[in-house]
Amino acid sequence: MTATASRFNKNQLLAALSSAEWQHLEPDLDWVDLEAGTVLHSSGKALHHVHFPASATVSLVSSMADGASAEVAEVAVVGSEGMVGVCAFMGGANPLSDAVVQRPGQAWRMSTAAVLHHTRRSPDFMQKLLGYTQALFTHMAQCSACNRHHALDQQLCRWLLLHLDRQEGTDMQITQERIACLLGVRREGVTGGALKLQKAGLIDYRRGHISIIDRSGLEARSCECYGVVRQAYDRLSCAHAAPRRSSGVSDLGLATLVVHRQRQPLLMTA
C-alpha cells in the first residue's frame, strides 16, 4: 500500500470510493496538520476549503451574540467518518456554523471549487457526500433536541461518547470550561455531572484530562440520543461496505468499513 493510499483509507468517505475516483481526486487534495483551536470556517463567511478528517476531530458550533458577549454551543462533531464544509456542494456559499478543531490531527483538504467540480463530474462521489450529509443532519437535529429536553448528566454522557467514537484511545485532553461552552451550560453543571460520573466509576477526571473507564456504563446512563446518532452513522458505514473496488485494490482495508455491531469507535483503522 502506498503512503497516499494509506492516508485516503483514514477517512471513511474517501476510503469508500473506487480507485478510479481516487485518481481523479488526488491532484486536488492536500494532506494537512490541524492544530487544536484552529477555526476552519466561520458562520456567514465565504468557505474556501473543505476538510476530510483522518485523525483530527472538529466541533461545529453555533454562536449567539447579545452585543456584549458571545456564547457558543456544539451542534455536531466530525471525525474520520465525514467531511467539514458540506455547504460547499449544497448550493450555499456561506456555512451556518463555525468549525473549530477540537482534537489535533491530520486531514485531507480540498478547495470548494474542486469539490463542486468533482460532485458535478461524479454521481458516485456526490452520492457519498449526500449520504454523509443526511447522517450529519440527523446528528445535528438530535443533539439540538437533547440539549433542550434531557438532563445535563445525559447530555454529558452523550457528548463524551460521540467524541470518544472519533478518536483513538480513551483519554481526552479537555477542561470542564470547554465542555460547558460546547454544551451551552454553566461550568458548575458540568463539574457536578463529571463528579457523579466519577463516583459511579465511569470516568476519571483530573484538571484538563478525562479518562473513560466504563464505556458501557456511559452508554447505559446516556439518553437515547447517542443511539440515534450512532445508528445514522452505522447505516452510512453499511452503505459504504458494499463492494465497489476492483480486486487489484482489495488490500486497501475496505473491510474496516463494516458496521460496528459492538459499539466500537467509528474510526477507520490504518
Protein backbone atom coordinates (compact mmCIF):
# COMPACT_ATOMS: atom_id res chain seq x y z
CA MET A 1 0.00 0.00 0.00
CA THR A 2 1.36 3.43 -0.94
CA ALA A 3 1.54 6.25 1.60
CA THR A 4 -1.14 8.17 -0.32
CA ALA A 5 -3.48 5.15 -0.41
CA SER A 6 -2.95 4.61 3.30
CA ARG A 7 -3.90 8.21 4.02
CA PHE A 8 -7.01 8.01 1.83
CA ASN A 9 -8.04 4.98 3.84
CA LYS A 10 -8.04 7.00 7.06
CA ASN A 11 -11.19 8.89 6.06
CA GLN A 12 -14.26 6.76 5.51
CA LEU A 13 -15.79 8.86 2.74
CA LEU A 14 -12.60 8.74 0.70
CA ALA A 15 -11.91 5.08 1.53
CA ALA A 16 -15.34 4.11 0.16
CA LEU A 17 -14.53 5.44 -3.30
CA SER A 18 -13.19 3.37 -6.15
CA SER A 19 -9.53 3.53 -7.16
CA ALA A 20 -10.57 5.36 -10.34
CA GLU A 21 -12.18 8.07 -8.22
CA TRP A 22 -9.01 8.37 -6.16
CA GLN A 23 -7.07 9.18 -9.29
CA HIS A 24 -9.49 11.99 -10.11
CA LEU A 25 -9.49 13.44 -6.60
CA GLU A 26 -5.82 13.10 -5.64
CA PRO A 27 -4.46 16.14 -7.55
CA ASP A 28 -6.92 18.40 -5.70
CA LEU A 29 -6.27 17.07 -2.18
CA ASP A 30 -3.65 18.25 0.30
CA TRP A 31 -2.62 16.35 3.45
CA VAL A 32 -2.57 18.90 6.30
CA ASP A 33 -1.96 19.07 10.05
CA LEU A 34 -4.71 20.65 12.13
CA GLU A 35 -3.93 22.23 15.49
CA ALA A 36 -6.45 22.38 18.35
CA GLY A 37 -8.40 25.62 18.32
CA THR A 38 -7.92 26.29 14.61
CA VAL A 39 -11.06 27.78 13.00
CA LEU A 40 -11.56 26.03 9.65
CA HIS A 41 -14.51 28.18 8.66
CA SER A 42 -16.79 30.78 10.23
CA SER A 43 -20.53 31.27 10.06
CA GLY A 44 -21.61 33.67 7.34
CA LYS A 45 -18.16 33.97 5.79
CA ALA A 46 -17.12 32.60 2.43
CA LEU A 47 -16.00 28.97 2.52
CA HIS A 48 -12.70 28.36 0.72
CA HIS A 49 -11.86 24.76 1.68
CA VAL A 50 -13.49 21.59 2.91
CA HIS A 51 -11.72 19.03 5.11
CA PHE A 52 -11.92 15.25 5.35
CA PRO A 53 -10.56 14.49 8.86
CA ALA A 54 -8.30 11.49 9.35
CA SER A 55 -7.16 11.66 12.99
CA ALA A 56 -8.42 15.16 13.88
CA THR A 57 -11.89 15.90 15.26
CA VAL A 58 -13.78 19.11 14.53
CA SER A 59 -16.60 20.71 16.50
CA LEU A 60 -19.34 22.50 14.56
CA VAL A 61 -20.50 25.30 16.83
CA SER A 62 -23.30 27.85 16.66
CA SER A 63 -22.60 31.32 18.02
CA MET A 64 -25.11 33.71 19.60
CA ALA A 65 -24.09 37.27 20.35
CA ASP A 66 -26.03 39.67 22.58
CA GLY A 67 -23.89 42.69 21.85
CA ALA A 68 -21.75 42.38 24.94
CA SER A 69 -20.74 38.74 24.87
CA ALA A 70 -20.94 35.70 22.64
CA GLU A 71 -21.93 32.17 23.53
CA VAL A 72 -21.26 29.04 21.51
CA ALA A 73 -22.75 25.58 21.57
CA GLU A 74 -21.68 22.48 19.69
CA VAL A 75 -24.26 21.26 17.17
CA ALA A 76 -22.20 18.30 15.87
CA VAL A 77 -18.74 16.77 15.88
CA VAL A 78 -16.95 15.50 12.77
CA GLY A 79 -14.21 12.89 12.67
CA SER A 80 -12.83 10.38 10.20
CA GLU A 81 -16.36 9.35 9.22
CA GLY A 82 -17.09 12.59 7.41
CA MET A 83 -16.39 15.97 5.95
CA VAL A 84 -16.29 19.56 7.24
CA GLY A 85 -17.93 22.07 4.91
CA VAL A 86 -20.95 20.32 3.37
CA CYS A 87 -22.42 23.64 2.25
CA ALA A 88 -19.76 23.66 -0.49
CA PHE A 89 -21.84 21.30 -2.64
CA MET A 90 -25.29 22.08 -1.20
CA GLY A 91 -25.78 25.37 -3.01
CA GLY A 92 -24.74 27.63 -0.12
CA ALA A 93 -21.51 29.57 -0.28
CA ASN A 94 -21.52 30.50 3.41
CA PRO A 95 -21.60 27.98 6.27
CA LEU A 96 -24.22 28.31 9.02
CA SER A 97 -21.85 27.36 11.83
CA ASP A 98 -18.23 27.72 12.86
CA ALA A 99 -15.88 24.75 12.54
CA VAL A 100 -13.22 24.56 15.26
CA VAL A 101 -10.59 21.84 15.60
CA GLN A 102 -11.25 20.10 18.91
CA ARG A 103 -8.64 17.35 18.80
CA PRO A 104 -5.44 17.95 16.79
CA GLY A 105 -4.50 15.60 13.98
CA GLN A 106 -4.41 15.26 10.21
CA ALA A 107 -6.96 15.76 7.44
CA TRP A 108 -7.31 15.97 3.68
CA ARG A 109 -8.13 19.48 2.41
CA MET A 110 -9.81 20.36 -0.88
CA SER A 111 -10.88 23.72 -2.31
CA THR A 112 -14.58 24.43 -2.63
CA ALA A 113 -14.13 24.92 -6.38
CA ALA A 114 -12.64 21.42 -6.67
CA VAL A 115 -15.46 19.90 -4.60
CA LEU A 116 -18.06 21.45 -6.91
CA HIS A 117 -16.17 20.18 -9.94
CA HIS A 118 -15.94 16.61 -8.66
CA THR A 119 -19.54 16.39 -7.45
CA ARG A 120 -20.71 17.51 -10.89
CA ARG A 121 -18.33 15.12 -12.60
CA SER A 122 -19.02 12.05 -10.46
CA PRO A 123 -22.51 10.91 -9.35
CA ASP A 124 -20.84 8.34 -7.08
CA PHE A 125 -18.83 10.98 -5.23
CA MET A 126 -21.93 13.16 -4.93
CA GLN A 127 -23.99 10.29 -3.51
CA LYS A 128 -21.32 9.52 -0.92
CA LEU A 129 -21.33 13.14 0.26
CA LEU A 130 -25.13 13.35 0.28
CA GLY A 131 -25.36 10.14 2.32
CA TYR A 132 -22.96 11.56 4.88
CA THR A 133 -24.85 14.87 4.95
CA GLN A 134 -28.08 13.06 5.79
CA ALA A 135 -26.37 11.38 8.76
CA LEU A 136 -24.88 14.73 9.81
CA PHE A 137 -28.30 16.41 9.74
CA THR A 138 -29.66 13.62 11.95
CA HIS A 139 -26.73 14.23 14.30
CA MET A 140 -27.41 17.97 14.47
CA ALA A 141 -31.16 17.63 14.96
CA GLN A 142 -30.82 15.01 17.71
CA CYS A 143 -28.19 16.98 19.62
CA SER A 144 -30.36 20.09 19.43
CA ALA A 145 -33.31 18.21 20.92
CA CYS A 146 -31.07 16.60 23.53
CA ASN A 147 -29.71 19.94 24.72
CA ARG A 148 -33.24 21.22 25.25
CA HIS A 149 -35.02 18.25 26.76
CA HIS A 150 -32.57 15.96 28.56
CA ALA A 151 -30.77 16.16 31.88
CA LEU A 152 -27.24 17.54 31.91
CA ASP A 153 -25.83 14.20 33.09
CA GLN A 154 -27.31 12.54 29.99
CA GLN A 155 -26.04 15.30 27.72
CA LEU A 156 -22.55 14.92 29.16
CA CYS A 157 -22.58 11.15 28.58
CA ARG A 158 -23.78 11.65 25.00
CA TRP A 159 -21.10 14.27 24.35
CA LEU A 160 -18.32 12.09 25.76
CA LEU A 161 -19.44 9.07 23.71
CA LEU A 162 -19.69 10.96 20.43
CA HIS A 163 -16.19 12.36 20.85
CA LEU A 164 -14.83 9.03 22.05
CA ASP A 165 -16.12 7.42 18.85
CA ARG A 166 -13.95 9.76 16.82
CA GLN A 167 -10.58 9.29 18.48
CA GLU A 168 -8.09 6.63 19.33
CA GLY A 169 -7.79 5.65 22.96
CA THR A 170 -9.93 6.56 25.96
CA ASP A 171 -8.20 9.74 27.17
CA MET A 172 -9.40 13.27 26.41
CA GLN A 173 -7.47 16.49 26.95
CA ILE A 174 -10.23 19.00 27.67
CA THR A 175 -11.30 21.28 30.50
CA GLN A 176 -14.68 21.48 32.19
CA GLU A 177 -14.92 25.07 30.98
CA ARG A 178 -14.56 23.95 27.38
CA ILE A 179 -17.16 21.19 27.72
CA ALA A 180 -19.56 23.63 29.37
CA CYS A 181 -19.06 26.04 26.48
CA LEU A 182 -19.72 23.35 23.88
CA LEU A 183 -22.84 22.15 25.69
CA GLY A 184 -24.04 25.70 26.23
CA VAL A 185 -24.38 25.28 30.01
CA ARG A 186 -22.79 26.65 33.18
CA ARG A 187 -19.42 25.26 34.23
CA GLU A 188 -20.84 24.31 37.64
CA GLY A 189 -23.30 21.98 35.94
CA VAL A 190 -20.52 20.14 34.11
CA THR A 191 -18.48 19.94 37.31
CA GLY A 192 -21.39 18.34 39.13
CA GLY A 193 -22.10 15.96 36.26
CA ALA A 194 -18.46 14.91 36.00
CA LEU A 195 -18.29 14.23 39.72
CA LYS A 196 -21.37 11.99 39.50
CA LEU A 197 -19.83 10.03 36.63
CA GLN A 198 -16.55 9.72 38.50
CA LYS A 199 -18.25 8.47 41.67
CA ALA A 200 -20.12 5.93 39.55
CA GLY A 201 -16.77 4.64 38.26
CA LEU A 202 -17.46 5.63 34.66
CA ILE A 203 -14.73 8.23 34.20
CA ASP A 204 -11.63 9.52 35.93
CA TYR A 205 -11.33 13.28 35.85
CA ARG A 206 -8.29 15.40 36.61
CA ARG A 207 -7.92 19.03 35.62
CA GLY A 208 -7.87 19.19 31.84
CA HIS A 209 -7.91 15.41 31.46
CA ILE A 210 -10.72 12.83 31.27
CA SER A 211 -10.20 9.07 31.09
CA ILE A 212 -13.12 6.86 30.13
CA ILE A 213 -13.18 3.84 32.43
CA ASP A 214 -16.55 2.23 31.65
CA ARG A 215 -17.85 2.91 28.16
CA SER A 216 -20.81 0.54 28.55
CA GLY A 217 -21.78 2.35 31.74
CA LEU A 218 -21.73 5.68 29.91
CA GLU A 219 -23.98 4.27 27.19
CA ALA A 220 -26.42 2.95 29.78
CA ARG A 221 -26.51 6.33 31.53
CA SER A 222 -26.87 8.36 28.33
CA CYS A 223 -30.25 9.22 26.81
CA GLU A 224 -31.45 7.65 23.57
CA CYS A 225 -29.89 10.48 21.55
CA TYR A 226 -26.47 8.83 21.39
CA GLY A 227 -28.01 5.66 19.97
CA VAL A 228 -29.99 7.58 17.34
CA VAL A 229 -26.90 9.41 16.13
CA ARG A 230 -24.80 6.24 16.23
CA GLN A 231 -27.35 4.32 14.16
CA ALA A 232 -27.32 7.06 11.50
CA TYR A 233 -23.56 6.62 11.05
CA ASP A 234 -23.81 2.83 11.25
CA ARG A 235 -26.23 2.90 8.31
CA LEU A 236 -23.76 5.07 6.44
CA SER A 237 -20.94 2.59 7.19
CA CYS A 238 -23.17 -0.24 5.97
CA ALA A 239 -23.76 1.56 2.68
CA HIS A 240 -20.02 2.17 2.32
CA ALA A 241 -19.30 -1.52 2.90
CA ALA A 242 -20.93 -2.53 -0.38
CA PRO A 243 -18.12 -3.84 -2.67
CA ARG A 244 -17.07 -1.15 -5.12
CA ARG A 245 -13.37 -1.78 -5.70
CA SER A 246 -11.64 -3.96 -8.21
CA SER A 247 -9.67 -6.95 -6.92
CA GLY A 248 -6.46 -5.07 -7.62
CA VAL A 249 -7.04 -2.76 -4.65
CA SER A 250 -8.58 -5.21 -2.20
CA ASP A 251 -5.68 -4.75 0.19
CA LEU A 252 -6.65 -1.15 0.93
CA GLY A 253 -8.53 -2.04 4.07
CA LEU A 254 -12.11 -1.95 2.80
CA ALA A 255 -13.06 -4.48 5.48
CA THR A 256 -12.67 -1.77 8.09
CA LEU A 257 -15.84 -0.17 6.76
CA VAL A 258 -18.14 -2.89 8.10
CA VAL A 259 -20.90 -1.96 10.51
CA HIS A 260 -19.67 -1.63 14.10
CA ARG A 261 -22.02 -4.11 15.71
CA GLN A 262 -20.49 -3.96 19.18
CA ARG A 263 -20.30 -0.21 19.64
CA GLN A 264 -16.69 0.06 18.58
CA PRO A 265 -15.32 3.50 17.65
CA LEU A 266 -16.21 4.93 14.25
CA LEU A 267 -12.54 5.41 13.44
CA MET A 268 -11.01 3.81 10.38
CA THR A 269 -8.03 1.58 11.06
CA ALA A 270 -4.82 2.19 9.18
